[in-house]
């Protein structure tokens, strides 16, 4: 069984970690993937078509 990890060890690891360009790239890639998946699951195409592409009917 592994010995318990102290909070100082965890804080030392987290404070020594710096953000690398690969981290930013990975975050952006996962963000685009999550956004695309959410858009695919919701599919608000009727709302987008009615809001942006159809002209409103003139009121009498």
PDB file of N, CA and C in Angstrom:
ATOM      1  N   UNK A   1       0.843  -1.169   0.000  1.00  0.00           N
ATOM      2  CA  UNK A   1       0.000   0.000   0.000  1.00  0.00           C
ATOM      3  C   UNK A   1       0.896   1.243   0.000  1.00  0.00           C
ATOM      4  N   UNK A   2       0.501   2.243  -0.776  1.00  0.00           N
ATOM      5  CA  UNK A   2       1.311   3.447  -0.906  1.00  0.00           C
ATOM      6  C   UNK A   2       1.150   4.332   0.327  1.00  0.00           C
ATOM      7  N   UNK A   3       2.221   5.019   0.705  1.00  0.00           N
ATOM      8  CA  UNK A   3       2.108   5.932   1.846  1.00  0.00           C
ATOM      9  C   UNK A   3       1.241   7.138   1.478  1.00  0.00           C
ATOM     10  N   UNK A   4       0.575   7.742   2.450  1.00  0.00           N
ATOM     11  CA  UNK A   4      -0.273   8.893   2.153  1.00  0.00           C
ATOM     12  C   UNK A   4       0.562  10.073   1.650  1.00  0.00           C
ATOM     13  N   UNK A   5       0.002  10.804   0.713  1.00  0.00           N
ATOM     14  CA  UNK A   5       0.693  11.943   0.121  1.00  0.00           C
ATOM     15  C   UNK A   5       0.366  13.182   0.944  1.00  0.00           C
ATOM     16  N   UNK A   6       1.392  13.912   1.333  1.00  0.00           N
ATOM     17  CA  UNK A   6       1.151  15.111   2.133  1.00  0.00           C
ATOM     18  C   UNK A   6       0.717  16.264   1.234  1.00  0.00           C
ATOM     19  N   UNK A   7       0.063  17.244   1.820  1.00  0.00           N
ATOM     20  CA  UNK A   7      -0.417  18.381   1.039  1.00  0.00           C
ATOM     21  C   UNK A   7       0.740  19.242   0.542  1.00  0.00           C
ATOM     22  N   UNK A   8       1.875  19.217   1.230  1.00  0.00           N
ATOM     23  CA  UNK A   8       3.015  20.009   0.768  1.00  0.00           C
ATOM     24  C   UNK A   8       3.586  19.443  -0.520  1.00  0.00           C
ATOM     25  N   UNK A   9       3.564  18.138  -0.673  1.00  0.00           N
ATOM     26  CA  UNK A   9       4.055  17.517  -1.899  1.00  0.00           C
ATOM     27  C   UNK A   9       3.174  17.906  -3.076  1.00  0.00           C
ATOM     28  N   UNK A  10       1.874  17.885  -2.879  1.00  0.00           N
ATOM     29  CA  UNK A  10       0.949  18.248  -3.947  1.00  0.00           C
ATOM     30  C   UNK A  10       1.087  19.724  -4.311  1.00  0.00           C
ATOM     31  N   UNK A  11       1.165  20.591  -3.303  1.00  0.00           N
ATOM     32  CA  UNK A  11       1.282  22.022  -3.594  1.00  0.00           C
ATOM     33  C   UNK A  11       2.615  22.340  -4.258  1.00  0.00           C
ATOM     34  N   UNK A  12       3.677  21.638  -3.894  1.00  0.00           N
ATOM     35  CA  UNK A  12       4.976  21.858  -4.528  1.00  0.00           C
ATOM     36  C   UNK A  12       4.920  21.439  -5.995  1.00  0.00           C
ATOM     37  N   UNK A  13       4.247  20.338  -6.286  1.00  0.00           N
ATOM     38  CA  UNK A  13       4.125  19.886  -7.679  1.00  0.00           C
ATOM     39  C   UNK A  13       3.310  20.880  -8.502  1.00  0.00           C
ATOM     40  N   UNK A  14       2.202  21.351  -7.946  1.00  0.00           N
ATOM     41  CA  UNK A  14       1.347  22.268  -8.687  1.00  0.00           C
ATOM     42  C   UNK A  14       1.995  23.636  -8.879  1.00  0.00           C
ATOM     43  N   UNK A  15       2.760  24.107  -7.912  1.00  0.00           N
ATOM     44  CA  UNK A  15       3.392  25.412  -8.038  1.00  0.00           C
ATOM     45  C   UNK A  15       4.585  25.378  -8.991  1.00  0.00           C
ATOM     46  N   UNK A  16       5.212  24.248  -9.163  1.00  0.00           N
ATOM     47  CA  UNK A  16       6.367  24.163 -10.046  1.00  0.00           C
ATOM     48  C   UNK A  16       5.954  23.949 -11.503  1.00  0.00           C
ATOM     49  N   UNK A  17       4.706  23.647 -11.731  1.00  0.00           N
ATOM     50  CA  UNK A  17       4.237  23.387 -13.097  1.00  0.00           C
ATOM     51  C   UNK A  17       3.967  24.694 -13.806  1.00  0.00           C
ATOM     52  N   UNK A  18       4.494  24.843 -15.012  1.00  0.00           N
ATOM     53  CA  UNK A  18       4.257  26.040 -15.822  1.00  0.00           C
ATOM     54  C   UNK A  18       3.438  25.669 -17.038  1.00  0.00           C
ATOM     55  N   UNK A  19       2.709  26.626 -17.556  1.00  0.00           N
ATOM     56  CA  UNK A  19       1.868  26.374 -18.728  1.00  0.00           C
ATOM     57  C   UNK A  19       2.750  26.346 -19.974  1.00  0.00           C
ATOM     58  N   UNK A  20       2.668  25.270 -20.692  1.00  0.00           N
ATOM     59  CA  UNK A  20       3.450  25.087 -21.908  1.00  0.00           C
ATOM     60  C   UNK A  20       2.572  25.362 -23.127  1.00  0.00           C
ATOM     61  N   UNK A  21       3.174  25.692 -24.274  1.00  0.00           N
ATOM     62  CA  UNK A  21       2.384  25.894 -25.501  1.00  0.00           C
ATOM     63  C   UNK A  21       1.564  24.660 -25.889  1.00  0.00           C
ATOM     64  N   UNK A  22       2.077  23.493 -25.595  1.00  0.00           N
ATOM     65  CA  UNK A  22       1.331  22.268 -25.902  1.00  0.00           C
ATOM     66  C   UNK A  22       0.072  22.166 -25.052  1.00  0.00           C
ATOM     67  N   UNK A  23       0.127  22.693 -23.819  1.00  0.00           N
ATOM     68  CA  UNK A  23      -1.057  22.695 -22.955  1.00  0.00           C
ATOM     69  C   UNK A  23      -2.144  23.591 -23.533  1.00  0.00           C
ATOM     70  N   UNK A  24      -1.749  24.751 -24.046  1.00  0.00           N
ATOM     71  CA  UNK A  24      -2.709  25.683 -24.637  1.00  0.00           C
ATOM     72  C   UNK A  24      -3.310  25.078 -25.901  1.00  0.00           C
ATOM     73  N   UNK A  25      -2.484  24.445 -26.700  1.00  0.00           N
ATOM     74  CA  UNK A  25      -2.971  23.805 -27.927  1.00  0.00           C
ATOM     75  C   UNK A  25      -3.952  22.689 -27.601  1.00  0.00           C
ATOM     76  N   UNK A  26      -3.622  21.884 -26.611  1.00  0.00           N
ATOM     77  CA  UNK A  26      -4.510  20.793 -26.221  1.00  0.00           C
ATOM     78  C   UNK A  26      -5.832  21.330 -25.684  1.00  0.00           C
ATOM     79  N   UNK A  27      -5.762  22.395 -24.887  1.00  0.00           N
ATOM     80  CA  UNK A  27      -6.977  23.001 -24.348  1.00  0.00           C
ATOM     81  C   UNK A  27      -7.861  23.538 -25.470  1.00  0.00           C
ATOM     82  N   UNK A  28      -7.266  24.205 -26.441  1.00  0.00           N
ATOM     83  CA  UNK A  28      -8.037  24.735 -27.565  1.00  0.00           C
ATOM     84  C   UNK A  28      -8.652  23.609 -28.387  1.00  0.00           C
ATOM     85  N   UNK A  29      -7.899  22.556 -28.607  1.00  0.00           N
ATOM     86  CA  UNK A  29      -8.410  21.420 -29.390  1.00  0.00           C
ATOM     87  C   UNK A  29      -9.582  20.751 -28.678  1.00  0.00           C
ATOM     88  N   UNK A  30      -9.441  20.506 -27.383  1.00  0.00           N
ATOM     89  CA  UNK A  30     -10.536  19.892 -26.630  1.00  0.00           C
ATOM     90  C   UNK A  30     -11.739  20.819 -26.538  1.00  0.00           C
ATOM     91  N   UNK A  31     -11.498  22.128 -26.477  1.00  0.00           N
ATOM     92  CA  UNK A  31     -12.601  23.082 -26.455  1.00  0.00           C
ATOM     93  C   UNK A  31     -13.393  23.066 -27.746  1.00  0.00           C
ATOM     94  N   UNK A  32     -12.686  23.024 -28.866  1.00  0.00           N
ATOM     95  CA  UNK A  32     -13.363  22.953 -30.163  1.00  0.00           C
ATOM     96  C   UNK A  32     -14.119  21.634 -30.290  1.00  0.00           C
ATOM     97  N   UNK A  33     -13.504  20.555 -29.857  1.00  0.00           N
ATOM     98  CA  UNK A  33     -14.166  19.248 -29.926  1.00  0.00           C
ATOM     99  C   UNK A  33     -15.421  19.222 -29.056  1.00  0.00           C
ATOM    100  N   UNK A  34     -15.343  19.778 -27.852  1.00  0.00           N
ATOM    101  CA  UNK A  34     -16.506  19.794 -26.958  1.00  0.00           C
ATOM    102  C   UNK A  34     -17.599  20.695 -27.514  1.00  0.00           C
ATOM    103  N   UNK A  35     -17.222  21.845 -28.056  1.00  0.00           N
ATOM    104  CA  UNK A  35     -18.214  22.744 -28.657  1.00  0.00           C
ATOM    105  C   UNK A  35     -18.899  22.130 -29.858  1.00  0.00           C
ATOM    106  N   UNK A  36     -18.127  21.460 -30.702  1.00  0.00           N
ATOM    107  CA  UNK A  36     -18.698  20.799 -31.870  1.00  0.00           C
ATOM    108  C   UNK A  36     -19.642  19.669 -31.455  1.00  0.00           C
ATOM    109  N   UNK A  37     -19.250  18.901 -30.463  1.00  0.00           N
ATOM    110  CA  UNK A  37     -20.105  17.813 -29.980  1.00  0.00           C
ATOM    111  C   UNK A  37     -21.395  18.362 -29.381  1.00  0.00           C
ATOM    112  N   UNK A  38     -21.300  19.442 -28.613  1.00  0.00           N
ATOM    113  CA  UNK A  38     -22.505  20.037 -28.024  1.00  0.00           C
ATOM    114  C   UNK A  38     -23.416  20.583 -29.114  1.00  0.00           C
ATOM    115  N   UNK A  39     -22.840  21.240 -30.105  1.00  0.00           N
ATOM    116  CA  UNK A  39     -23.628  21.769 -31.216  1.00  0.00           C
ATOM    117  C   UNK A  39     -24.300  20.635 -31.992  1.00  0.00           C
ATOM    118  N   UNK A  40     -23.591  19.520 -32.184  1.00  0.00           N
ATOM    119  CA  UNK A  40     -24.149  18.369 -32.889  1.00  0.00           C
ATOM    120  C   UNK A  40     -25.300  17.745 -32.093  1.00  0.00           C
ATOM    121  N   UNK A  41     -25.159  17.671 -30.780  1.00  0.00           N
ATOM    122  CA  UNK A  41     -26.210  17.066 -29.969  1.00  0.00           C
ATOM    123  C   UNK A  41     -27.459  17.943 -29.904  1.00  0.00           C
ATOM    124  N   UNK A  42     -27.286  19.255 -29.861  1.00  0.00           N
ATOM    125  CA  UNK A  42     -28.432  20.152 -29.743  1.00  0.00           C
ATOM    126  C   UNK A  42     -29.069  20.423 -31.091  1.00  0.00           C
ATOM    127  N   UNK A  43     -28.254  20.676 -32.114  1.00  0.00           N
ATOM    128  CA  UNK A  43     -28.694  20.936 -33.485  1.00  0.00           C
ATOM    129  C   UNK A  43     -29.765  22.023 -33.569  1.00  0.00           C
ATOM    130  N   UNK A  44     -29.390  23.269 -33.273  1.00  0.00           N
ATOM    131  CA  UNK A  44     -30.366  24.364 -33.322  1.00  0.00           C
ATOM    132  C   UNK A  44     -30.495  24.974 -34.709  1.00  0.00           C
ATOM    133  N   UNK A  45     -30.556  24.142 -35.758  1.00  0.00           N
ATOM    134  CA  UNK A  45     -30.534  24.655 -37.121  1.00  0.00           C
ATOM    135  C   UNK A  45     -31.794  25.438 -37.460  1.00  0.00           C
ATOM    136  N   UNK A  46     -32.949  25.024 -36.968  1.00  0.00           N
ATOM    137  CA  UNK A  46     -34.182  25.762 -37.251  1.00  0.00           C
ATOM    138  C   UNK A  46     -34.130  27.155 -36.639  1.00  0.00           C
ATOM    139  N   UNK A  47     -33.648  27.262 -35.431  1.00  0.00           N
ATOM    140  CA  UNK A  47     -33.531  28.561 -34.767  1.00  0.00           C
ATOM    141  C   UNK A  47     -32.572  29.475 -35.532  1.00  0.00           C
ATOM    142  N   UNK A  48     -31.439  28.938 -35.959  1.00  0.00           N
ATOM    143  CA  UNK A  48     -30.461  29.744 -36.693  1.00  0.00           C
ATOM    144  C   UNK A  48     -31.040  30.196 -38.030  1.00  0.00           C
ATOM    145  N   UNK A  49     -31.736  29.281 -38.720  1.00  0.00           N
ATOM    146  CA  UNK A  49     -32.317  29.633 -40.012  1.00  0.00           C
ATOM    147  C   UNK A  49     -33.384  30.715 -39.855  1.00  0.00           C
ATOM    148  N   UNK A  50     -34.253  30.576 -38.855  1.00  0.00           N
ATOM    149  CA  UNK A  50     -35.308  31.570 -38.642  1.00  0.00           C
ATOM    150  C   UNK A  50     -34.743  32.908 -38.186  1.00  0.00           C
ATOM    151  N   UNK A  51     -33.697  32.876 -37.385  1.00  0.00           N
ATOM    152  CA  UNK A  51     -33.152  34.104 -36.820  1.00  0.00           C
ATOM    153  C   UNK A  51     -32.326  34.894 -37.837  1.00  0.00           C
ATOM    154  N   UNK A  52     -31.505  34.226 -38.606  1.00  0.00           N
ATOM    155  CA  UNK A  52     -30.540  34.939 -39.435  1.00  0.00           C
ATOM    156  C   UNK A  52     -30.859  34.956 -40.928  1.00  0.00           C
ATOM    157  N   UNK A  53     -31.598  33.982 -41.444  1.00  0.00           N
ATOM    158  CA  UNK A  53     -31.737  33.884 -42.887  1.00  0.00           C
ATOM    159  C   UNK A  53     -33.125  34.186 -43.422  1.00  0.00           C
ATOM    160  N   UNK A  54     -34.161  34.029 -42.632  1.00  0.00           N
ATOM    161  CA  UNK A  54     -35.512  34.307 -43.112  1.00  0.00           C
ATOM    162  C   UNK A  54     -35.894  35.741 -42.798  1.00  0.00           C
ATOM    163  N   UNK A  55     -36.573  36.358 -43.738  1.00  0.00           N
ATOM    164  CA  UNK A  55     -37.037  37.727 -43.527  1.00  0.00           C
ATOM    165  C   UNK A  55     -38.321  37.681 -42.710  1.00  0.00           C
ATOM    166  N   UNK A  56     -38.470  38.591 -41.746  1.00  0.00           N
ATOM    167  CA  UNK A  56     -39.715  38.593 -40.968  1.00  0.00           C
ATOM    168  C   UNK A  56     -40.886  39.059 -41.821  1.00  0.00           C
ATOM    169  N   UNK A  57     -42.061  38.507 -41.530  1.00  0.00           N
ATOM    170  CA  UNK A  57     -43.255  38.898 -42.281  1.00  0.00           C
ATOM    171  C   UNK A  57     -43.677  40.301 -41.872  1.00  0.00           C
ATOM    172  N   UNK A  58     -44.019  41.133 -42.830  1.00  0.00           N
ATOM    173  CA  UNK A  58     -44.438  42.502 -42.477  1.00  0.00           C
ATOM    174  C   UNK A  58     -45.773  42.484 -41.736  1.00  0.00           C
ATOM    175  N   UNK A  59     -45.854  43.310 -40.713  1.00  0.00           N
ATOM    176  CA  UNK A  59     -47.088  43.388 -39.937  1.00  0.00           C
ATOM    177  C   UNK A  59     -48.045  44.346 -40.603  1.00  0.00           C
ATOM    178  N   UNK A  60     -49.330  44.046 -40.534  1.00  0.00           N
ATOM    179  CA  UNK A  60     -50.345  44.874 -41.211  1.00  0.00           C
ATOM    180  C   UNK A  60     -50.684  46.124 -40.443  1.00  0.00           C
TER     181      UNK A  60
END
